[in-house]
Amino acid sequence: MHAACLTGLGRSKLYELISSGDIETVKIGRCTLIPVESLYRLIDNARR
């Protein structure tokens, strides 16, 4: 499942959050993955 689908955010916004360090990424080969825990933290912080 894609992070955009899970959060309802667009790709551009996700790239912006990655660049700012608000979302953690993990590189495996050519794939860039976003750990689910990182998305949970983002949502948790937005609630506060």
C-alpha atoms as a PDB file:
ATOM      1  CA  MET A   1       0.000   0.000   0.000  1.00  0.00           C
ATOM      2  CA  HIS A   2       1.281   3.490  -0.797  1.00  0.00           C
ATOM      3  CA  ALA A   3       1.825   6.165   1.845  1.00  0.00           C
ATOM      4  CA  ALA A   4      -0.329   8.549  -0.196  1.00  0.00           C
ATOM      5  CA  CYS A   5      -3.248   6.108   0.003  1.00  0.00           C
ATOM      6  CA  LEU A   6      -2.775   5.507   3.729  1.00  0.00           C
ATOM      7  CA  THR A   7      -2.634   9.192   4.660  1.00  0.00           C
ATOM      8  CA  GLY A   8      -4.708  10.858   1.976  1.00  0.00           C
ATOM      9  CA  LEU A   9      -1.778  13.161   1.208  1.00  0.00           C
ATOM     10  CA  GLY A  10      -0.528  13.746  -2.317  1.00  0.00           C
ATOM     11  CA  ARG A  11       2.904  12.736  -3.567  1.00  0.00           C
ATOM     12  CA  SER A  12       4.117  16.351  -3.636  1.00  0.00           C
ATOM     13  CA  LYS A  13       3.186  16.873   0.017  1.00  0.00           C
ATOM     14  CA  LEU A  14       4.865  13.597   1.001  1.00  0.00           C
ATOM     15  CA  TYR A  15       8.076  14.633  -0.781  1.00  0.00           C
ATOM     16  CA  GLU A  16       7.898  17.984   1.016  1.00  0.00           C
ATOM     17  CA  LEU A  17       7.528  16.236   4.403  1.00  0.00           C
ATOM     18  CA  ILE A  18      10.438  13.914   3.571  1.00  0.00           C
ATOM     19  CA  SER A  19      12.644  16.882   2.605  1.00  0.00           C
ATOM     20  CA  SER A  20      11.807  18.714   5.827  1.00  0.00           C
ATOM     21  CA  GLY A  21      12.589  15.610   7.916  1.00  0.00           C
ATOM     22  CA  ASP A  22       9.025  15.212   9.194  1.00  0.00           C
ATOM     23  CA  ILE A  23       8.819  11.745   7.620  1.00  0.00           C
ATOM     24  CA  GLU A  24      11.598   9.164   7.879  1.00  0.00           C
ATOM     25  CA  THR A  25      12.563   7.096   4.842  1.00  0.00           C
ATOM     26  CA  VAL A  26      14.506   3.871   4.366  1.00  0.00           C
ATOM     27  CA  LYS A  27      16.350   3.076   1.123  1.00  0.00           C
ATOM     28  CA  ILE A  28      16.501  -0.541  -0.019  1.00  0.00           C
ATOM     29  CA  GLY A  29      18.177  -0.730  -3.397  1.00  0.00           C
ATOM     30  CA  ARG A  30      16.370   1.753  -5.642  1.00  0.00           C
ATOM     31  CA  CYS A  31      13.210   1.717  -3.511  1.00  0.00           C
ATOM     32  CA  THR A  32      12.473   4.473  -1.015  1.00  0.00           C
ATOM     33  CA  LEU A  33      10.192   3.222   1.731  1.00  0.00           C
ATOM     34  CA  ILE A  34       8.368   5.109   4.467  1.00  0.00           C
ATOM     35  CA  PRO A  35       8.026   3.140   7.714  1.00  0.00           C
ATOM     36  CA  VAL A  36       4.435   2.989   8.962  1.00  0.00           C
ATOM     37  CA  GLU A  37       5.629   4.159  12.390  1.00  0.00           C
ATOM     38  CA  SER A  38       6.830   7.374  10.769  1.00  0.00           C
ATOM     39  CA  LEU A  39       3.351   7.978   9.343  1.00  0.00           C
ATOM     40  CA  TYR A  40       1.778   7.263  12.744  1.00  0.00           C
ATOM     41  CA  ARG A  41       4.115   9.845  14.349  1.00  0.00           C
ATOM     42  CA  LEU A  42       3.213  12.402  11.684  1.00  0.00           C
ATOM     43  CA  ILE A  43      -0.509  11.908  12.310  1.00  0.00           C
ATOM     44  CA  ASP A  44      -0.014  11.907  16.093  1.00  0.00           C
ATOM     45  CA  ASN A  45       1.902  15.204  15.924  1.00  0.00           C
ATOM     46  CA  ALA A  46      -0.793  16.743  13.720  1.00  0.00           C
ATOM     47  CA  ARG A  47      -3.441  15.905  16.332  1.00  0.00           C
ATOM     48  CA  ARG A  48      -1.653  17.934  19.016  1.00  0.00           C
END
